[in-house]
Amino acid sequence: MTKRRHSRQGAMKKSAIFIIGLCAVAVITLLVVRSPERLVYRKANYQGIDVSNHQGKIDWGKVAQDKNISFVYIKATEGATHKDRRYKENVEGARDNGILVGSYHYLKGNRPIHRQFDNFKSVVDRDRQDLIPMVDVEETIDRDSLLLFCSLVKEHYGKLPLIYSLIRVYNSLCSAEFDDFYLMIARYGPKPPVIKGKNHYSIWQFSEDGKIDGISKPVDLDRLHPDFSLSSLMLNNSDW
């Protein structure tokens, strides 16, 4: 009788351990598969890319076969004189293959703002743009200079630009004076950027090492905020 009881107790103990193990596996599986954070971070979850000469020659026909990609921001200029040498071929290639195009300028903190805007304007034809321009703010720059560049963009292109910045740079240099602008914020990893003083980003650049067929080098991957529509960035949208 005692041996049987011990045998039953041993069997029950093993069964309990087995059931607990199954529950643990189920919980882990649920977290991995259903966790909103992990769903957000899946690299298949993107709607756009941004490129420059650093990506080399791009086969836009192949890029367009990626059904995730609906838009691209293409580097046009930097500072007062630099022009991206692949800009025009990238614009034509993307638009010819049905991808919405916007152009951006890398703002230098030590160059006159009017000269920088003249450089951008000399390269970026408004009639060849689908999306509002973007200004890339990664260097230390005073807010008045950034506001001046943005006002020049609006005067010429009819819309205020999208502002791109690294999360730490935006929160230290720009927030909260630019909280009413559309924002593309770079933060690489699984956690979305948290904007000081603003409800949320418009676009999250969540990876800098994306692999896209047709682009031989790593590329930035961009995803829209769940509450944001790409239509808000259309250059001919009268709401902005």
C-alpha atoms as a PDB file:
ATOM      1  CA  MET A   1       0.000   0.000   0.000  1.00  0.00           C
ATOM      2  CA  THR A   2       2.766   2.448   0.922  1.00  0.00           C
ATOM      3  CA  LYS A   3       4.690   1.687  -2.256  1.00  0.00           C
ATOM      4  CA  ARG A   4       1.578   2.224  -4.343  1.00  0.00           C
ATOM      5  CA  ARG A   5       0.873   5.531  -2.588  1.00  0.00           C
ATOM      6  CA  HIS A   6       4.427   6.681  -3.199  1.00  0.00           C
ATOM      7  CA  SER A   7       4.121   5.534  -6.791  1.00  0.00           C
ATOM      8  CA  ARG A   8       0.899   7.478  -7.262  1.00  0.00           C
ATOM      9  CA  GLN A   9       2.396  10.536  -5.576  1.00  0.00           C
ATOM     10  CA  GLY A  10       5.444  10.323  -7.811  1.00  0.00           C
ATOM     11  CA  ALA A  11       3.280  10.052 -10.905  1.00  0.00           C
ATOM     12  CA  MET A  12       1.142  12.992  -9.763  1.00  0.00           C
ATOM     13  CA  LYS A  13       4.272  15.041  -9.107  1.00  0.00           C
ATOM     14  CA  LYS A  14       5.621  14.280 -12.571  1.00  0.00           C
ATOM     15  CA  SER A  15       2.247  15.154 -14.106  1.00  0.00           C
ATOM     16  CA  ALA A  16       2.172  18.453 -12.226  1.00  0.00           C
ATOM     17  CA  ILE A  17       5.687  19.307 -13.392  1.00  0.00           C
ATOM     18  CA  PHE A  18       4.727  18.423 -16.953  1.00  0.00           C
ATOM     19  CA  ILE A  19       1.606  20.595 -16.821  1.00  0.00           C
ATOM     20  CA  ILE A  20       3.550  23.508 -15.335  1.00  0.00           C
ATOM     21  CA  GLY A  21       6.107  23.111 -18.102  1.00  0.00           C
ATOM     22  CA  LEU A  22       3.409  23.183 -20.754  1.00  0.00           C
ATOM     23  CA  CYS A  23       1.916  26.323 -19.196  1.00  0.00           C
ATOM     24  CA  ALA A  24       5.306  28.021 -19.149  1.00  0.00           C
ATOM     25  CA  VAL A  25       5.877  27.196 -22.813  1.00  0.00           C
ATOM     26  CA  ALA A  26       2.405  28.492 -23.649  1.00  0.00           C
ATOM     27  CA  VAL A  27       3.005  31.772 -21.807  1.00  0.00           C
ATOM     28  CA  ILE A  28       6.391  32.292 -23.468  1.00  0.00           C
ATOM     29  CA  THR A  29       4.912  31.502 -26.872  1.00  0.00           C
ATOM     30  CA  LEU A  30       2.084  33.951 -26.253  1.00  0.00           C
ATOM     31  CA  LEU A  31       4.502  36.684 -25.283  1.00  0.00           C
ATOM     32  CA  VAL A  32       6.710  36.103 -28.309  1.00  0.00           C
ATOM     33  CA  VAL A  33       3.911  35.807 -30.838  1.00  0.00           C
ATOM     34  CA  ARG A  34       1.330  38.208 -29.464  1.00  0.00           C
ATOM     35  CA  SER A  35       3.286  40.812 -27.533  1.00  0.00           C
ATOM     36  CA  PRO A  36       2.515  44.231 -29.106  1.00  0.00           C
ATOM     37  CA  GLU A  37       6.153  45.246 -28.678  1.00  0.00           C
ATOM     38  CA  ARG A  38       7.376  42.231 -30.606  1.00  0.00           C
ATOM     39  CA  LEU A  39       4.711  42.700 -33.241  1.00  0.00           C
ATOM     40  CA  VAL A  40       5.874  46.286 -33.622  1.00  0.00           C
ATOM     41  CA  TYR A  41       9.518  45.331 -33.926  1.00  0.00           C
ATOM     42  CA  ARG A  42       9.164  42.639 -36.594  1.00  0.00           C
ATOM     43  CA  LYS A  43      11.365  43.855 -39.421  1.00  0.00           C
ATOM     44  CA  ALA A  44       8.688  42.854 -41.903  1.00  0.00           C
ATOM     45  CA  ASN A  45       6.571  45.640 -40.440  1.00  0.00           C
ATOM     46  CA  TYR A  46       7.712  48.696 -42.403  1.00  0.00           C
ATOM     47  CA  GLN A  47       6.203  51.002 -44.995  1.00  0.00           C
ATOM     48  CA  GLY A  48       9.170  52.992 -46.233  1.00  0.00           C
ATOM     49  CA  ILE A  49      12.906  53.461 -46.527  1.00  0.00           C
ATOM     50  CA  ASP A  50      15.324  56.375 -46.819  1.00  0.00           C
ATOM     51  CA  VAL A  51      18.390  56.297 -49.020  1.00  0.00           C
ATOM     52  CA  SER A  52      21.367  58.289 -50.206  1.00  0.00           C
ATOM     53  CA  ASN A  53      24.507  57.806 -52.246  1.00  0.00           C
ATOM     54  CA  HIS A  54      25.750  55.527 -49.455  1.00  0.00           C
ATOM     55  CA  GLN A  55      23.423  52.764 -50.685  1.00  0.00           C
ATOM     56  CA  GLY A  56      25.165  52.743 -54.074  1.00  0.00           C
ATOM     57  CA  LYS A  57      23.287  52.077 -57.296  1.00  0.00           C
ATOM     58  CA  ILE A  58      19.743  50.898 -56.583  1.00  0.00           C
ATOM     59  CA  ASP A  59      17.618  48.599 -58.715  1.00  0.00           C
ATOM     60  CA  TRP A  60      14.282  50.322 -58.154  1.00  0.00           C
ATOM     61  CA  GLY A  61      12.399  47.725 -60.166  1.00  0.00           C
ATOM     62  CA  LYS A  62      13.374  45.107 -57.592  1.00  0.00           C
ATOM     63  CA  VAL A  63      12.738  47.460 -54.676  1.00  0.00           C
ATOM     64  CA  ALA A  64       9.211  48.092 -55.947  1.00  0.00           C
ATOM     65  CA  GLN A  65       8.474  44.373 -55.780  1.00  0.00           C
ATOM     66  CA  ASP A  66       8.660  44.639 -51.993  1.00  0.00           C
ATOM     67  CA  LYS A  67       4.981  45.230 -51.234  1.00  0.00           C
ATOM     68  CA  ASN A  68       5.813  46.707 -47.825  1.00  0.00           C
ATOM     69  CA  ILE A  69       7.454  49.749 -49.405  1.00  0.00           C
ATOM     70  CA  SER A  70       5.100  52.571 -50.332  1.00  0.00           C
ATOM     71  CA  PHE A  71       7.419  55.565 -49.877  1.00  0.00           C
ATOM     72  CA  VAL A  72      11.059  56.611 -49.852  1.00  0.00           C
ATOM     73  CA  TYR A  73      12.882  59.710 -48.636  1.00  0.00           C
ATOM     74  CA  ILE A  74      15.937  60.435 -50.768  1.00  0.00           C
ATOM     75  CA  LYS A  75      18.891  62.583 -49.765  1.00  0.00           C
ATOM     76  CA  ALA A  76      19.245  65.615 -52.016  1.00  0.00           C
ATOM     77  CA  THR A  77      21.707  67.971 -50.358  1.00  0.00           C
ATOM     78  CA  GLU A  78      23.881  68.655 -47.321  1.00  0.00           C
ATOM     79  CA  GLY A  79      25.082  71.996 -46.034  1.00  0.00           C
ATOM     80  CA  ALA A  80      25.583  74.887 -48.442  1.00  0.00           C
ATOM     81  CA  THR A  81      27.234  73.111 -51.378  1.00  0.00           C
ATOM     82  CA  HIS A  82      27.040  69.300 -51.238  1.00  0.00           C
ATOM     83  CA  LYS A  83      24.666  67.600 -53.664  1.00  0.00           C
ATOM     84  CA  ASP A  84      24.051  63.859 -53.492  1.00  0.00           C
ATOM     85  CA  ARG A  85      25.336  62.469 -56.775  1.00  0.00           C
ATOM     86  CA  ARG A  86      22.695  59.743 -57.036  1.00  0.00           C
ATOM     87  CA  TYR A  87      19.761  61.966 -56.121  1.00  0.00           C
ATOM     88  CA  LYS A  88      18.220  62.450 -59.546  1.00  0.00           C
ATOM     89  CA  GLU A  89      18.575  58.816 -60.621  1.00  0.00           C
ATOM     90  CA  ASN A  90      17.040  57.709 -57.333  1.00  0.00           C
ATOM     91  CA  VAL A  91      14.077  60.055 -57.710  1.00  0.00           C
ATOM     92  CA  GLU A  92      13.406  58.972 -61.277  1.00  0.00           C
ATOM     93  CA  GLY A  93      13.898  55.299 -60.494  1.00  0.00           C
ATOM     94  CA  ALA A  94      11.574  55.319 -57.493  1.00  0.00           C
ATOM     95  CA  ARG A  95       8.807  57.348 -59.139  1.00  0.00           C
ATOM     96  CA  ASP A  96       8.974  55.365 -62.382  1.00  0.00           C
ATOM     97  CA  ASN A  97       8.289  52.243 -60.306  1.00  0.00           C
ATOM     98  CA  GLY A  98       5.337  53.651 -58.391  1.00  0.00           C
ATOM     99  CA  ILE A  99       7.029  54.520 -55.086  1.00  0.00           C
ATOM    100  CA  LEU A 100       6.071  57.836 -53.462  1.00  0.00           C
ATOM    101  CA  VAL A 101       9.078  60.151 -53.201  1.00  0.00           C
ATOM    102  CA  GLY A 102      10.155  62.826 -50.759  1.00  0.00           C
ATOM    103  CA  SER A 103      13.535  64.579 -50.572  1.00  0.00           C
ATOM    104  CA  TYR A 104      15.649  65.642 -47.627  1.00  0.00           C
ATOM    105  CA  HIS A 105      18.400  68.066 -46.698  1.00  0.00           C
ATOM    106  CA  TYR A 106      21.052  67.379 -44.050  1.00  0.00           C
ATOM    107  CA  LEU A 107      21.201  70.598 -42.054  1.00  0.00           C
ATOM    108  CA  LYS A 108      24.680  71.716 -40.991  1.00  0.00           C
ATOM    109  CA  GLY A 109      24.987  73.726 -37.823  1.00  0.00           C
ATOM    110  CA  ASN A 110      27.904  75.826 -39.080  1.00  0.00           C
ATOM    111  CA  ARG A 111      26.619  76.926 -42.501  1.00  0.00           C
ATOM    112  CA  PRO A 112      24.374  79.915 -43.373  1.00  0.00           C
ATOM    113  CA  ILE A 113      20.732  78.835 -43.505  1.00  0.00           C
ATOM    114  CA  HIS A 114      19.814  80.780 -46.645  1.00  0.00           C
ATOM    115  CA  ARG A 115      22.716  79.250 -48.542  1.00  0.00           C
ATOM    116  CA  GLN A 116      21.704  75.788 -47.373  1.00  0.00           C
ATOM    117  CA  PHE A 117      18.151  76.317 -48.517  1.00  0.00           C
ATOM    118  CA  ASP A 118      19.325  77.685 -51.874  1.00  0.00           C
ATOM    119  CA  ASN A 119      21.364  74.504 -52.294  1.00  0.00           C
ATOM    120  CA  PHE A 120      18.316  72.352 -51.558  1.00  0.00           C
ATOM    121  CA  LYS A 121      16.022  74.390 -53.799  1.00  0.00           C
ATOM    122  CA  SER A 122      18.477  74.199 -56.698  1.00  0.00           C
ATOM    123  CA  VAL A 123      18.268  70.401 -56.671  1.00  0.00           C
ATOM    124  CA  VAL A 124      14.738  69.523 -55.578  1.00  0.00           C
ATOM    125  CA  ASP A 125      12.061  70.174 -58.198  1.00  0.00           C
ATOM    126  CA  ARG A 126       8.678  70.621 -56.543  1.00  0.00           C
ATOM    127  CA  ASP A 127       6.900  69.049 -59.502  1.00  0.00           C
ATOM    128  CA  ARG A 128       8.880  65.809 -59.028  1.00  0.00           C
ATOM    129  CA  GLN A 129       7.881  65.389 -55.371  1.00  0.00           C
ATOM    130  CA  ASP A 130       5.045  63.351 -53.924  1.00  0.00           C
ATOM    131  CA  LEU A 131       5.769  64.013 -50.251  1.00  0.00           C
ATOM    132  CA  ILE A 132       6.664  67.122 -48.276  1.00  0.00           C
ATOM    133  CA  PRO A 133      10.408  67.835 -47.937  1.00  0.00           C
ATOM    134  CA  MET A 134      12.293  66.597 -44.893  1.00  0.00           C
ATOM    135  CA  VAL A 135      15.061  68.322 -42.922  1.00  0.00           C
ATOM    136  CA  ASP A 136      17.626  66.074 -41.225  1.00  0.00           C
ATOM    137  CA  VAL A 137      18.676  67.496 -37.842  1.00  0.00           C
ATOM    138  CA  GLU A 138      21.544  65.555 -36.288  1.00  0.00           C
ATOM    139  CA  GLU A 139      24.007  68.316 -35.451  1.00  0.00           C
ATOM    140  CA  THR A 140      23.746  70.973 -32.776  1.00  0.00           C
ATOM    141  CA  ILE A 141      21.827  73.892 -34.245  1.00  0.00           C
ATOM    142  CA  ASP A 142      19.913  76.744 -32.661  1.00  0.00           C
ATOM    143  CA  ARG A 143      16.146  76.631 -32.902  1.00  0.00           C
ATOM    144  CA  ASP A 144      15.837  79.941 -34.738  1.00  0.00           C
ATOM    145  CA  SER A 145      18.028  78.620 -37.556  1.00  0.00           C
ATOM    146  CA  LEU A 146      15.910  75.491 -37.856  1.00  0.00           C
ATOM    147  CA  LEU A 147      12.714  77.567 -37.820  1.00  0.00           C
ATOM    148  CA  LEU A 148      14.149  79.781 -40.562  1.00  0.00           C
ATOM    149  CA  PHE A 149      14.958  76.789 -42.765  1.00  0.00           C
ATOM    150  CA  CYS A 150      11.453  75.407 -42.196  1.00  0.00           C
ATOM    151  CA  SER A 151       9.847  78.743 -43.084  1.00  0.00           C
ATOM    152  CA  LEU A 152      11.875  78.932 -46.316  1.00  0.00           C
ATOM    153  CA  VAL A 153      10.698  75.426 -47.211  1.00  0.00           C
ATOM    154  CA  LYS A 154       7.081  76.404 -46.653  1.00  0.00           C
ATOM    155  CA  GLU A 155       7.458  79.593 -48.683  1.00  0.00           C
ATOM    156  CA  HIS A 156       8.874  77.741 -51.689  1.00  0.00           C
ATOM    157  CA  TYR A 157       7.204  74.321 -51.542  1.00  0.00           C
ATOM    158  CA  GLY A 158       3.951  75.328 -49.883  1.00  0.00           C
ATOM    159  CA  LYS A 159       4.308  73.032 -46.865  1.00  0.00           C
ATOM    160  CA  LEU A 160       6.318  72.878 -43.674  1.00  0.00           C
ATOM    161  CA  PRO A 161       8.881  70.068 -43.769  1.00  0.00           C
ATOM    162  CA  LEU A 162       8.927  66.776 -41.940  1.00  0.00           C
ATOM    163  CA  ILE A 163      11.648  66.911 -39.275  1.00  0.00           C
ATOM    164  CA  TYR A 164      14.025  63.955 -38.950  1.00  0.00           C
ATOM    165  CA  SER A 165      16.183  63.521 -35.886  1.00  0.00           C
ATOM    166  CA  LEU A 166      17.675  60.988 -33.507  1.00  0.00           C
ATOM    167  CA  ILE A 167      15.518  60.607 -30.411  1.00  0.00           C
ATOM    168  CA  ARG A 168      18.135  62.058 -28.041  1.00  0.00           C
ATOM    169  CA  VAL A 169      18.866  64.985 -30.381  1.00  0.00           C
ATOM    170  CA  TYR A 170      15.212  65.859 -30.864  1.00  0.00           C
ATOM    171  CA  ASN A 171      14.402  65.710 -27.174  1.00  0.00           C
ATOM    172  CA  SER A 172      17.390  67.891 -26.258  1.00  0.00           C
ATOM    173  CA  LEU A 173      17.421  70.407 -29.143  1.00  0.00           C
ATOM    174  CA  CYS A 174      13.957  70.641 -30.642  1.00  0.00           C
ATOM    175  CA  SER A 175      11.226  69.669 -28.202  1.00  0.00           C
ATOM    176  CA  ALA A 176       8.803  71.243 -27.526  1.00  0.00           C
ATOM    177  CA  GLU A 177       8.972  74.144 -29.976  1.00  0.00           C
ATOM    178  CA  PHE A 178       8.598  71.768 -32.925  1.00  0.00           C
ATOM    179  CA  ASP A 179       5.951  69.491 -31.456  1.00  0.00           C
ATOM    180  CA  ASP A 180       3.392  70.571 -34.050  1.00  0.00           C
ATOM    181  CA  PHE A 181       5.594  69.371 -36.916  1.00  0.00           C
ATOM    182  CA  TYR A 182       5.422  65.915 -38.418  1.00  0.00           C
ATOM    183  CA  LEU A 183       8.385  63.945 -37.097  1.00  0.00           C
ATOM    184  CA  MET A 184      10.528  61.056 -38.304  1.00  0.00           C
ATOM    185  CA  ILE A 185      12.422  59.851 -35.257  1.00  0.00           C
ATOM    186  CA  ALA A 186      15.320  57.388 -35.303  1.00  0.00           C
ATOM    187  CA  ARG A 187      15.534  54.898 -32.472  1.00  0.00           C
ATOM    188  CA  TYR A 188      16.984  51.497 -33.300  1.00  0.00           C
ATOM    189  CA  GLY A 189      15.668  48.538 -31.367  1.00  0.00           C
ATOM    190  CA  PRO A 190      12.365  47.133 -30.146  1.00  0.00           C
ATOM    191  CA  LYS A 191      11.106  50.144 -28.173  1.00  0.00           C
ATOM    192  CA  PRO A 192       9.333  52.975 -30.014  1.00  0.00           C
ATOM    193  CA  PRO A 193      10.654  56.501 -29.388  1.00  0.00           C
ATOM    194  CA  VAL A 194       9.056  58.581 -26.665  1.00  0.00           C
ATOM    195  CA  ILE A 195       8.770  62.253 -27.621  1.00  0.00           C
ATOM    196  CA  LYS A 196       8.980  64.839 -24.886  1.00  0.00           C
ATOM    197  CA  GLY A 197       5.971  67.118 -24.948  1.00  0.00           C
ATOM    198  CA  LYS A 198       4.342  65.455 -27.966  1.00  0.00           C
ATOM    199  CA  ASN A 199       1.777  62.701 -28.294  1.00  0.00           C
ATOM    200  CA  HIS A 200       3.839  60.608 -30.703  1.00  0.00           C
ATOM    201  CA  TYR A 201       6.180  60.457 -33.683  1.00  0.00           C
ATOM    202  CA  SER A 202       4.793  60.335 -37.237  1.00  0.00           C
ATOM    203  CA  ILE A 203       7.384  57.892 -38.601  1.00  0.00           C
ATOM    204  CA  TRP A 204       9.732  55.667 -36.628  1.00  0.00           C
ATOM    205  CA  GLN A 205      13.069  54.777 -38.224  1.00  0.00           C
ATOM    206  CA  PHE A 206      13.524  51.570 -36.275  1.00  0.00           C
ATOM    207  CA  SER A 207      16.427  49.915 -38.103  1.00  0.00           C
ATOM    208  CA  GLU A 208      19.534  51.017 -39.963  1.00  0.00           C
ATOM    209  CA  ASP A 209      20.457  47.577 -41.275  1.00  0.00           C
ATOM    210  CA  GLY A 210      17.457  46.544 -43.343  1.00  0.00           C
ATOM    211  CA  LYS A 211      17.953  44.118 -46.220  1.00  0.00           C
ATOM    212  CA  ILE A 212      15.960  45.032 -49.323  1.00  0.00           C
ATOM    213  CA  ASP A 213      16.167  43.223 -52.643  1.00  0.00           C
ATOM    214  CA  GLY A 214      17.632  45.646 -55.181  1.00  0.00           C
ATOM    215  CA  ILE A 215      19.771  47.499 -52.615  1.00  0.00           C
ATOM    216  CA  SER A 216      23.162  45.912 -52.046  1.00  0.00           C
ATOM    217  CA  LYS A 217      23.964  47.749 -48.809  1.00  0.00           C
ATOM    218  CA  PRO A 218      22.025  48.020 -45.518  1.00  0.00           C
ATOM    219  CA  VAL A 219      19.195  50.536 -45.588  1.00  0.00           C
ATOM    220  CA  ASP A 220      17.085  52.388 -43.018  1.00  0.00           C
ATOM    221  CA  LEU A 221      13.616  50.936 -42.424  1.00  0.00           C
ATOM    222  CA  ASP A 222      10.759  53.288 -41.564  1.00  0.00           C
ATOM    223  CA  ARG A 223       7.325  52.590 -40.158  1.00  0.00           C
ATOM    224  CA  LEU A 224       4.313  54.823 -39.725  1.00  0.00           C
ATOM    225  CA  HIS A 225       2.809  55.366 -36.309  1.00  0.00           C
ATOM    226  CA  PRO A 226      -0.415  53.302 -36.070  1.00  0.00           C
ATOM    227  CA  ASP A 227      -2.438  56.533 -35.783  1.00  0.00           C
ATOM    228  CA  PHE A 228      -0.686  58.297 -38.669  1.00  0.00           C
ATOM    229  CA  SER A 229      -1.538  58.214 -42.367  1.00  0.00           C
ATOM    230  CA  LEU A 230       0.942  58.724 -45.186  1.00  0.00           C
ATOM    231  CA  SER A 231      -1.670  60.919 -46.873  1.00  0.00           C
ATOM    232  CA  SER A 232      -0.808  63.609 -44.293  1.00  0.00           C
ATOM    233  CA  LEU A 233       2.637  63.941 -45.909  1.00  0.00           C
ATOM    234  CA  MET A 234       1.405  64.339 -49.471  1.00  0.00           C
ATOM    235  CA  LEU A 235       2.714  67.586 -50.919  1.00  0.00           C
ATOM    236  CA  ASN A 236      -0.648  68.421 -52.480  1.00  0.00           C
ATOM    237  CA  ASN A 237      -2.592  67.762 -49.282  1.00  0.00           C
ATOM    238  CA  SER A 238      -4.168  71.101 -48.409  1.00  0.00           C
ATOM    239  CA  ASP A 239      -4.316  70.316 -44.681  1.00  0.00           C
ATOM    240  CA  TRP A 240      -0.619  71.044 -44.026  1.00  0.00           C
END
